[in-house]
Amino acid sequence: MALSRGTSAFTLKMAAIAGMSCNHVANVFGDVMAPAATMILFTLGGLTFPIMAFLLCEGYRHTSSIRRYATRLALFAVAAEVPWFLLWGPSLNVLFTLLIGLGLLWARDHLRGRGAYGLVIVAGVAASWLCDWAIAGPLMIVFFHRVREQPRGVLKVMAAFGAVFGIPQLINVLSADPGAAGVLPPAIQWGALGYYTLGFALATFLMTTYNGQRGPSLKWFFYAYYPAHLLVLWLVAQFV
């Protein structure tokens, strides 16, 4: 049987997991790693959230039960919050961001009147202030959903977000004084730039080659990996 050309949802999920793992390792252990490794890991982290947002929109379109979909996200978001808190303190992990985005997509299709939907958008974006990928996360999800039928929709969304985040980071890198107090190490500065440029570019390529195929189904693995890898990182950090 001939293999389908392009990138399946399974491949996108594996890329997101790889990027997420690299990003979190760099965040936790960047201070004790070689600068080149820190930059590479942060750069690969740029794969993660755009692909997550894109796949959430695909999941919303194809799920047989939005209630079960939201329940799964909520359960694993709560489970992941303990290791997330241990690693990074009082904020909400990215699964809460995705849950807010899912709610915004549902509201777009079920609320009557633009005024009501506008209020929900404002409320959802405001609530995401407490979450990873605050404000930008739910907006990226909504924009991906809006351009889903446009041939270059994903490219436009990624170019816009890449510019919004990448240009200020480029300015930071070029103007940073390495000796000044409070300035991040150069490896982290350049890694953040790579995150929003090369990482975003690779994510864009993978999403624009998406073939609409599901691929192997490992649904529970992908959900469980998030809290599990956070817990492992925290445990390792206790001995490093």
Protein backbone atom coordinates (compact mmCIF):
# COMPACT_ATOMS: atom_id res chain seq x y z
CA MET A 1 0.00 0.00 0.00
CA ALA A 2 1.37 3.41 -0.96
CA LEU A 3 2.25 5.80 1.81
CA SER A 4 0.41 9.14 1.93
CA ARG A 5 2.54 12.11 1.07
CA GLY A 6 2.79 15.00 3.49
CA THR A 7 2.67 15.21 7.25
CA SER A 8 0.09 13.31 9.32
CA ALA A 9 -1.41 14.42 12.62
CA PHE A 10 0.68 11.74 14.33
CA THR A 11 3.89 13.23 12.92
CA LEU A 12 2.81 16.71 13.98
CA LYS A 13 2.16 15.46 17.52
CA MET A 14 5.56 13.79 17.70
CA ALA A 15 7.23 17.00 16.49
CA ALA A 16 5.34 19.00 19.13
CA ILE A 17 6.39 16.56 21.85
CA ALA A 18 10.02 16.69 20.73
CA GLY A 19 10.01 20.49 20.63
CA MET A 20 8.26 20.73 23.99
CA SER A 21 10.77 18.38 25.61
CA CYS A 22 13.70 20.36 24.20
CA ASN A 23 12.22 23.66 25.35
CA HIS A 24 11.53 22.45 28.87
CA VAL A 25 14.97 20.87 29.22
CA ALA A 26 16.53 24.18 28.16
CA ASN A 27 14.34 26.08 30.63
CA VAL A 28 15.21 23.81 33.53
CA PHE A 29 18.87 23.03 32.80
CA GLY A 30 19.97 25.87 30.50
CA ASP A 31 22.24 27.35 33.15
CA VAL A 32 24.34 24.18 33.37
CA MET A 33 24.43 23.21 29.70
CA ALA A 34 26.80 24.27 26.94
CA PRO A 35 25.60 27.52 25.33
CA ALA A 36 25.27 25.89 21.91
CA ALA A 37 23.04 23.15 23.33
CA THR A 38 20.87 25.72 25.08
CA MET A 39 20.39 27.68 21.86
CA ILE A 40 19.53 24.58 19.84
CA LEU A 41 17.05 23.27 22.40
CA PHE A 42 15.28 26.62 22.73
CA THR A 43 15.12 26.94 18.95
CA LEU A 44 13.47 23.53 18.59
CA GLY A 45 11.00 24.59 21.27
CA GLY A 46 9.46 26.91 18.68
CA LEU A 47 7.81 23.88 17.11
CA THR A 48 5.55 23.27 20.05
CA PHE A 49 2.75 25.71 20.62
CA PRO A 50 1.91 26.54 17.00
CA ILE A 51 1.50 22.83 16.26
CA MET A 52 -0.54 22.33 19.44
CA ALA A 53 -2.82 25.21 18.44
CA PHE A 54 -3.17 23.89 14.90
CA LEU A 55 -4.00 20.38 16.07
CA LEU A 56 -6.52 21.70 18.59
CA CYS A 57 -8.39 23.31 15.70
CA GLU A 58 -8.26 20.03 13.79
CA GLY A 59 -9.44 18.14 16.86
CA TYR A 60 -12.31 20.57 17.31
CA ARG A 61 -13.40 20.08 13.71
CA HIS A 62 -13.34 16.28 13.88
CA THR A 63 -14.25 15.37 17.46
CA SER A 64 -17.44 13.41 18.01
CA SER A 65 -17.95 15.02 21.42
CA ILE A 66 -16.67 18.46 22.33
CA ARG A 67 -17.62 17.74 25.95
CA ARG A 68 -15.35 14.68 26.16
CA TYR A 69 -12.59 16.55 24.37
CA ALA A 70 -12.77 19.42 26.88
CA THR A 71 -12.96 17.00 29.81
CA ARG A 72 -9.77 15.22 28.73
CA LEU A 73 -7.93 18.51 28.39
CA ALA A 74 -9.15 19.67 31.79
CA LEU A 75 -8.21 16.44 33.58
CA PHE A 76 -4.67 16.36 32.24
CA ALA A 77 -4.27 20.11 32.76
CA VAL A 78 -5.05 19.61 36.45
CA ALA A 79 -2.74 16.59 36.65
CA ALA A 80 0.11 18.55 35.07
CA GLU A 81 -0.33 21.56 37.31
CA VAL A 82 1.50 20.02 40.28
CA PRO A 83 4.83 19.39 38.49
CA TRP A 84 4.37 22.64 36.53
CA PHE A 85 4.04 24.55 39.82
CA LEU A 86 7.08 22.78 41.26
CA LEU A 87 9.14 23.79 38.24
CA TRP A 88 7.93 27.31 37.50
CA GLY A 89 5.75 28.52 40.33
CA PRO A 90 2.19 29.88 40.43
CA SER A 91 0.92 29.98 36.88
CA LEU A 92 -1.22 27.67 34.73
CA ASN A 93 0.24 25.23 32.21
CA VAL A 94 -0.37 25.23 28.48
CA LEU A 95 -3.21 22.70 28.61
CA PHE A 96 -5.30 25.36 30.31
CA THR A 97 -4.44 27.68 27.41
CA LEU A 98 -5.63 25.05 24.95
CA LEU A 99 -8.80 24.54 26.99
CA ILE A 100 -9.57 28.27 26.81
CA GLY A 101 -8.92 28.19 23.07
CA LEU A 102 -11.29 25.26 22.66
CA GLY A 103 -13.96 27.19 24.52
CA LEU A 104 -13.49 30.16 22.20
CA LEU A 105 -13.93 27.96 19.13
CA TRP A 106 -17.12 26.51 20.58
CA ALA A 107 -18.42 29.99 21.40
CA ARG A 108 -17.72 31.18 17.87
CA ASP A 109 -19.94 28.48 16.42
CA HIS A 110 -22.73 28.48 19.02
CA LEU A 111 -23.22 31.97 20.40
CA ARG A 112 -25.65 34.24 18.62
CA GLY A 113 -24.52 37.75 17.90
CA ARG A 114 -21.07 39.24 17.45
CA GLY A 115 -21.37 41.19 20.66
CA ALA A 116 -21.72 38.07 22.80
CA TYR A 117 -18.82 36.37 21.01
CA GLY A 118 -16.68 39.49 21.38
CA LEU A 119 -17.24 39.48 25.13
CA VAL A 120 -16.28 35.80 25.31
CA ILE A 121 -13.09 36.51 23.34
CA VAL A 122 -12.15 39.32 25.71
CA ALA A 123 -12.92 37.17 28.76
CA GLY A 124 -11.00 34.17 27.41
CA VAL A 125 -7.94 36.18 26.44
CA ALA A 126 -7.98 37.92 29.82
CA ALA A 127 -8.24 34.59 31.65
CA SER A 128 -5.28 33.28 29.68
CA TRP A 129 -3.10 35.94 31.31
CA LEU A 130 -2.51 33.41 34.07
CA CYS A 131 -1.50 30.67 31.61
CA ASP A 132 1.52 29.68 29.59
CA TRP A 133 1.37 31.48 26.23
CA ALA A 134 -0.79 34.15 27.83
CA ILE A 135 -3.03 36.20 25.52
CA ALA A 136 -1.21 35.13 22.34
CA GLY A 137 -2.15 31.46 22.75
CA PRO A 138 -5.93 31.72 22.48
CA LEU A 139 -5.60 34.31 19.72
CA MET A 140 -3.39 32.01 17.66
CA ILE A 141 -5.97 29.22 18.04
CA VAL A 142 -8.81 31.49 16.91
CA PHE A 143 -6.81 32.77 13.93
CA PHE A 144 -5.87 29.25 12.84
CA HIS A 145 -9.55 28.32 12.93
CA ARG A 146 -10.57 31.38 10.93
CA VAL A 147 -8.08 30.75 8.12
CA ARG A 148 -8.53 26.98 7.96
CA GLU A 149 -9.96 27.10 4.42
CA GLN A 150 -7.45 29.61 3.04
CA PRO A 151 -4.60 28.13 0.95
CA ARG A 152 -1.94 30.20 2.73
CA GLY A 153 -3.79 30.80 5.96
CA VAL A 154 -1.32 29.00 8.23
CA LEU A 155 1.59 30.83 6.60
CA LYS A 156 -0.07 34.21 7.20
CA VAL A 157 -0.82 33.48 10.86
CA MET A 158 2.70 32.22 11.52
CA ALA A 159 4.29 35.16 9.73
CA ALA A 160 2.24 37.58 11.84
CA PHE A 161 3.07 35.93 15.17
CA GLY A 162 6.69 35.42 14.15
CA ALA A 163 6.99 39.15 13.46
CA VAL A 164 5.20 40.17 16.67
CA PHE A 165 7.55 38.09 18.81
CA GLY A 166 10.65 37.79 16.64
CA ILE A 167 11.29 41.45 15.87
CA PRO A 168 11.30 42.59 19.52
CA GLN A 169 13.52 39.64 20.40
CA LEU A 170 15.94 40.55 17.61
CA ILE A 171 16.10 44.08 19.00
CA ASN A 172 16.76 42.66 22.47
CA VAL A 173 19.60 40.51 21.17
CA LEU A 174 21.24 43.35 19.25
CA SER A 175 20.92 45.88 22.06
CA ALA A 176 21.65 43.65 25.08
CA ASP A 177 24.60 44.48 27.29
CA PRO A 178 25.92 41.09 28.49
CA GLY A 179 27.43 42.67 31.59
CA ALA A 180 24.33 44.52 32.73
CA ALA A 181 22.39 43.33 35.75
CA GLY A 182 19.25 41.35 34.98
CA VAL A 183 20.16 40.68 31.35
CA LEU A 184 19.67 37.07 30.26
CA PRO A 185 22.75 35.11 29.12
CA PRO A 186 23.48 35.40 25.38
CA ALA A 187 22.69 31.71 24.79
CA ILE A 188 19.17 32.20 26.12
CA GLN A 189 18.72 35.46 24.20
CA TRP A 190 19.78 33.84 20.93
CA GLY A 191 17.79 30.72 21.76
CA ALA A 192 14.64 32.82 22.19
CA LEU A 193 15.30 34.44 18.81
CA GLY A 194 15.72 31.00 17.26
CA TYR A 195 12.46 29.94 18.91
CA TYR A 196 10.48 32.61 17.08
CA THR A 197 12.34 32.36 13.78
CA LEU A 198 13.81 28.97 12.91
CA GLY A 199 11.50 27.08 15.27
CA PHE A 200 8.42 28.84 13.93
CA ALA A 201 9.64 28.31 10.36
CA LEU A 202 9.99 24.56 10.88
CA ALA A 203 6.55 24.40 12.51
CA THR A 204 5.11 26.32 9.56
CA PHE A 205 6.63 23.88 7.09
CA LEU A 206 5.20 20.88 8.93
CA MET A 207 1.73 22.41 9.24
CA THR A 208 1.57 23.51 5.62
CA THR A 209 2.44 19.97 4.51
CA TYR A 210 -0.32 18.46 6.68
CA ASN A 211 -2.16 15.86 4.63
CA GLY A 212 -5.28 15.58 6.77
CA GLN A 213 -4.45 12.01 7.79
CA ARG A 214 -4.62 10.91 11.41
CA GLY A 215 -1.79 8.37 11.37
CA PRO A 216 -1.27 5.92 14.26
CA SER A 217 -3.57 6.57 17.20
CA LEU A 218 -1.78 7.04 20.52
CA LYS A 219 -4.23 9.52 22.02
CA TRP A 220 -3.70 8.69 25.67
CA PHE A 221 0.07 8.64 25.28
CA PHE A 222 0.08 12.20 24.02
CA TYR A 223 -2.12 13.37 26.86
CA ALA A 224 -0.17 11.50 29.54
CA TYR A 225 3.25 12.53 28.24
CA TYR A 226 2.77 16.16 29.25
CA PRO A 227 2.41 15.75 33.04
CA ALA A 228 4.77 12.75 33.05
CA HIS A 229 7.70 14.54 31.44
CA LEU A 230 7.24 17.56 33.71
CA LEU A 231 7.42 15.31 36.76
CA VAL A 232 10.56 13.59 35.43
CA LEU A 233 12.23 16.96 34.78
CA TRP A 234 11.47 18.10 38.32
CA LEU A 235 12.83 14.88 39.82
CA VAL A 236 16.04 15.11 37.76
CA ALA A 237 16.45 18.77 38.71
CA GLN A 238 16.56 17.78 42.39
CA PHE A 239 19.85 15.97 41.74
CA VAL A 240 21.53 18.39 39.34
